[in-house]
């Protein structure tokens, strides 16, 4: 994935989180957790745009593959409020992968 594709994927995750945050019946604690993760991902997305990334690096490629896989999993469960804890876990994974990508560039 190119850095722009990574930033776009994070943007898609942000959109999914925004939709979930607007869902009636979302527990307050879950809402706060998702909002904090959303803020963190938003900050990382902005940081990624300005960084120079070696797209051929094996670690970068592995992290972007994990990021794509986590996004696919998130898309499958995000609309089900019964699975909010799973959504939070997946979004946390996505944030972790994005953090690792940013740390790789530093």
C-alpha atoms as a PDB file:
ATOM      1  CA  UNK A   1       0.000   0.000   0.000  1.00  0.00           C
ATOM      2  CA  UNK A   2       1.144   3.500  -0.688  1.00  0.00           C
ATOM      3  CA  UNK A   3       1.101   6.040   2.147  1.00  0.00           C
ATOM      4  CA  UNK A   4      -1.877   7.720   0.483  1.00  0.00           C
ATOM      5  CA  UNK A   5      -3.727   4.374   0.454  1.00  0.00           C
ATOM      6  CA  UNK A   6      -2.933   3.943   4.157  1.00  0.00           C
ATOM      7  CA  UNK A   7      -4.262   7.434   4.896  1.00  0.00           C
ATOM      8  CA  UNK A   8      -7.373   6.693   2.808  1.00  0.00           C
ATOM      9  CA  UNK A   9      -7.959   3.417   4.664  1.00  0.00           C
ATOM     10  CA  UNK A  10      -7.667   5.252   7.984  1.00  0.00           C
ATOM     11  CA  UNK A  11     -10.154   7.807   6.632  1.00  0.00           C
ATOM     12  CA  UNK A  12     -12.560   4.978   5.837  1.00  0.00           C
ATOM     13  CA  UNK A  13     -12.171   3.661   9.382  1.00  0.00           C
ATOM     14  CA  UNK A  14     -12.862   7.156  10.732  1.00  0.00           C
ATOM     15  CA  UNK A  15     -16.059   7.306   8.672  1.00  0.00           C
ATOM     16  CA  UNK A  16     -17.175   3.937  10.048  1.00  0.00           C
ATOM     17  CA  UNK A  17     -16.427   5.074  13.601  1.00  0.00           C
ATOM     18  CA  UNK A  18     -18.368   8.307  13.019  1.00  0.00           C
ATOM     19  CA  UNK A  19     -21.405   6.313  11.906  1.00  0.00           C
ATOM     20  CA  UNK A  20     -21.153   4.100  14.973  1.00  0.00           C
ATOM     21  CA  UNK A  21     -20.811   7.081  17.295  1.00  0.00           C
ATOM     22  CA  UNK A  22     -24.128   8.384  15.929  1.00  0.00           C
ATOM     23  CA  UNK A  23     -25.931   5.095  16.559  1.00  0.00           C
ATOM     24  CA  UNK A  24     -28.657   5.324  19.223  1.00  0.00           C
ATOM     25  CA  UNK A  25     -28.188   2.931  22.110  1.00  0.00           C
ATOM     26  CA  UNK A  26     -24.404   3.036  22.208  1.00  0.00           C
ATOM     27  CA  UNK A  27     -23.239   2.778  25.821  1.00  0.00           C
ATOM     28  CA  UNK A  28     -21.586   5.978  27.133  1.00  0.00           C
ATOM     29  CA  UNK A  29     -18.348   4.207  28.080  1.00  0.00           C
ATOM     30  CA  UNK A  30     -18.137   2.588  24.647  1.00  0.00           C
ATOM     31  CA  UNK A  31     -18.867   5.941  23.000  1.00  0.00           C
ATOM     32  CA  UNK A  32     -16.049   7.600  24.942  1.00  0.00           C
ATOM     33  CA  UNK A  33     -13.605   4.801  24.079  1.00  0.00           C
ATOM     34  CA  UNK A  34     -14.470   4.876  20.375  1.00  0.00           C
ATOM     35  CA  UNK A  35     -14.244   8.664  20.314  1.00  0.00           C
ATOM     36  CA  UNK A  36     -10.783   8.594  21.912  1.00  0.00           C
ATOM     37  CA  UNK A  37      -9.632   5.998  19.367  1.00  0.00           C
ATOM     38  CA  UNK A  38     -11.138   8.086  16.576  1.00  0.00           C
ATOM     39  CA  UNK A  39      -9.219  11.148  17.738  1.00  0.00           C
ATOM     40  CA  UNK A  40      -5.994   9.147  17.915  1.00  0.00           C
ATOM     41  CA  UNK A  41      -6.487   7.736  14.391  1.00  0.00           C
ATOM     42  CA  UNK A  42      -7.323  11.192  13.047  1.00  0.00           C
ATOM     43  CA  UNK A  43      -4.072  12.573  14.469  1.00  0.00           C
ATOM     44  CA  UNK A  44      -2.082   9.671  13.012  1.00  0.00           C
ATOM     45  CA  UNK A  45      -3.692  10.116   9.608  1.00  0.00           C
ATOM     46  CA  UNK A  46      -2.484  13.722   9.507  1.00  0.00           C
ATOM     47  CA  UNK A  47       1.008  12.662  10.605  1.00  0.00           C
ATOM     48  CA  UNK A  48       1.203   9.975   7.910  1.00  0.00           C
ATOM     49  CA  UNK A  49       0.525  12.466   5.134  1.00  0.00           C
ATOM     50  CA  UNK A  50       3.665  14.456   5.864  1.00  0.00           C
ATOM     51  CA  UNK A  51       6.041  11.527   6.314  1.00  0.00           C
ATOM     52  CA  UNK A  52       8.430   9.945   3.848  1.00  0.00           C
ATOM     53  CA  UNK A  53       7.929   6.181   3.715  1.00  0.00           C
ATOM     54  CA  UNK A  54      10.006   3.441   2.108  1.00  0.00           C
ATOM     55  CA  UNK A  55       7.174   1.432   0.554  1.00  0.00           C
ATOM     56  CA  UNK A  56       9.557  -1.411  -0.348  1.00  0.00           C
ATOM     57  CA  UNK A  57      10.446  -2.030   3.313  1.00  0.00           C
ATOM     58  CA  UNK A  58       9.278  -5.505   4.385  1.00  0.00           C
ATOM     59  CA  UNK A  59       8.111  -4.330   7.808  1.00  0.00           C
ATOM     60  CA  UNK A  60       6.062  -1.537   6.240  1.00  0.00           C
ATOM     61  CA  UNK A  61       4.486  -3.987   3.787  1.00  0.00           C
ATOM     62  CA  UNK A  62       3.633  -6.436   6.585  1.00  0.00           C
ATOM     63  CA  UNK A  63       2.089  -3.676   8.701  1.00  0.00           C
ATOM     64  CA  UNK A  64      -0.033  -2.387   5.834  1.00  0.00           C
ATOM     65  CA  UNK A  65      -1.256  -5.934   5.144  1.00  0.00           C
ATOM     66  CA  UNK A  66      -2.247  -6.287   8.805  1.00  0.00           C
ATOM     67  CA  UNK A  67      -3.920  -2.892   8.633  1.00  0.00           C
ATOM     68  CA  UNK A  68      -5.969  -3.921   5.575  1.00  0.00           C
ATOM     69  CA  UNK A  69      -6.958  -7.224   7.221  1.00  0.00           C
ATOM     70  CA  UNK A  70      -8.079  -5.447  10.396  1.00  0.00           C
ATOM     71  CA  UNK A  71     -10.118  -2.991   8.315  1.00  0.00           C
ATOM     72  CA  UNK A  72     -11.844  -5.886   6.538  1.00  0.00           C
ATOM     73  CA  UNK A  73     -12.680  -7.426   9.914  1.00  0.00           C
ATOM     74  CA  UNK A  74     -13.936  -4.081  11.228  1.00  0.00           C
ATOM     75  CA  UNK A  75     -16.207  -3.605   8.231  1.00  0.00           C
ATOM     76  CA  UNK A  76     -17.790  -6.981   8.958  1.00  0.00           C
ATOM     77  CA  UNK A  77     -18.722  -6.217  12.576  1.00  0.00           C
ATOM     78  CA  UNK A  78     -19.029  -2.443  12.965  1.00  0.00           C
ATOM     79  CA  UNK A  79     -22.798  -2.123  12.455  1.00  0.00           C
ATOM     80  CA  UNK A  80     -23.719  -4.564  15.236  1.00  0.00           C
ATOM     81  CA  UNK A  81     -23.980  -2.813  18.619  1.00  0.00           C
ATOM     82  CA  UNK A  82     -23.847  -6.214  20.301  1.00  0.00           C
ATOM     83  CA  UNK A  83     -20.266  -6.416  19.042  1.00  0.00           C
ATOM     84  CA  UNK A  84     -19.089  -2.992  20.207  1.00  0.00           C
ATOM     85  CA  UNK A  85     -16.323  -4.508  22.327  1.00  0.00           C
ATOM     86  CA  UNK A  86     -15.072  -6.344  19.224  1.00  0.00           C
ATOM     87  CA  UNK A  87     -15.224  -3.060  17.258  1.00  0.00           C
ATOM     88  CA  UNK A  88     -13.169  -1.355  19.965  1.00  0.00           C
ATOM     89  CA  UNK A  89     -10.617  -4.201  19.862  1.00  0.00           C
ATOM     90  CA  UNK A  90     -10.287  -3.992  16.080  1.00  0.00           C
ATOM     91  CA  UNK A  91     -10.029  -0.192  16.046  1.00  0.00           C
ATOM     92  CA  UNK A  92      -7.343  -0.508  18.728  1.00  0.00           C
ATOM     93  CA  UNK A  93      -5.466  -2.928  16.451  1.00  0.00           C
ATOM     94  CA  UNK A  94      -5.760  -0.520  13.541  1.00  0.00           C
ATOM     95  CA  UNK A  95      -4.407   2.289  15.721  1.00  0.00           C
ATOM     96  CA  UNK A  96      -1.547   0.046  16.823  1.00  0.00           C
ATOM     97  CA  UNK A  97      -0.594  -0.766  13.222  1.00  0.00           C
ATOM     98  CA  UNK A  98      -0.762   2.914  12.275  1.00  0.00           C
ATOM     99  CA  UNK A  99       1.426   3.754  15.299  1.00  0.00           C
ATOM    100  CA  UNK A 100       3.972   1.164  14.201  1.00  0.00           C
ATOM    101  CA  UNK A 101       3.998   2.561  10.658  1.00  0.00           C
ATOM    102  CA  UNK A 102       4.632   6.056  12.025  1.00  0.00           C
ATOM    103  CA  UNK A 103       7.347   4.787  14.383  1.00  0.00           C
ATOM    104  CA  UNK A 104       8.987   2.964  11.472  1.00  0.00           C
ATOM    105  CA  UNK A 105       9.272   6.261   9.637  1.00  0.00           C
ATOM    106  CA  UNK A 106      10.690   8.197  12.580  1.00  0.00           C
END
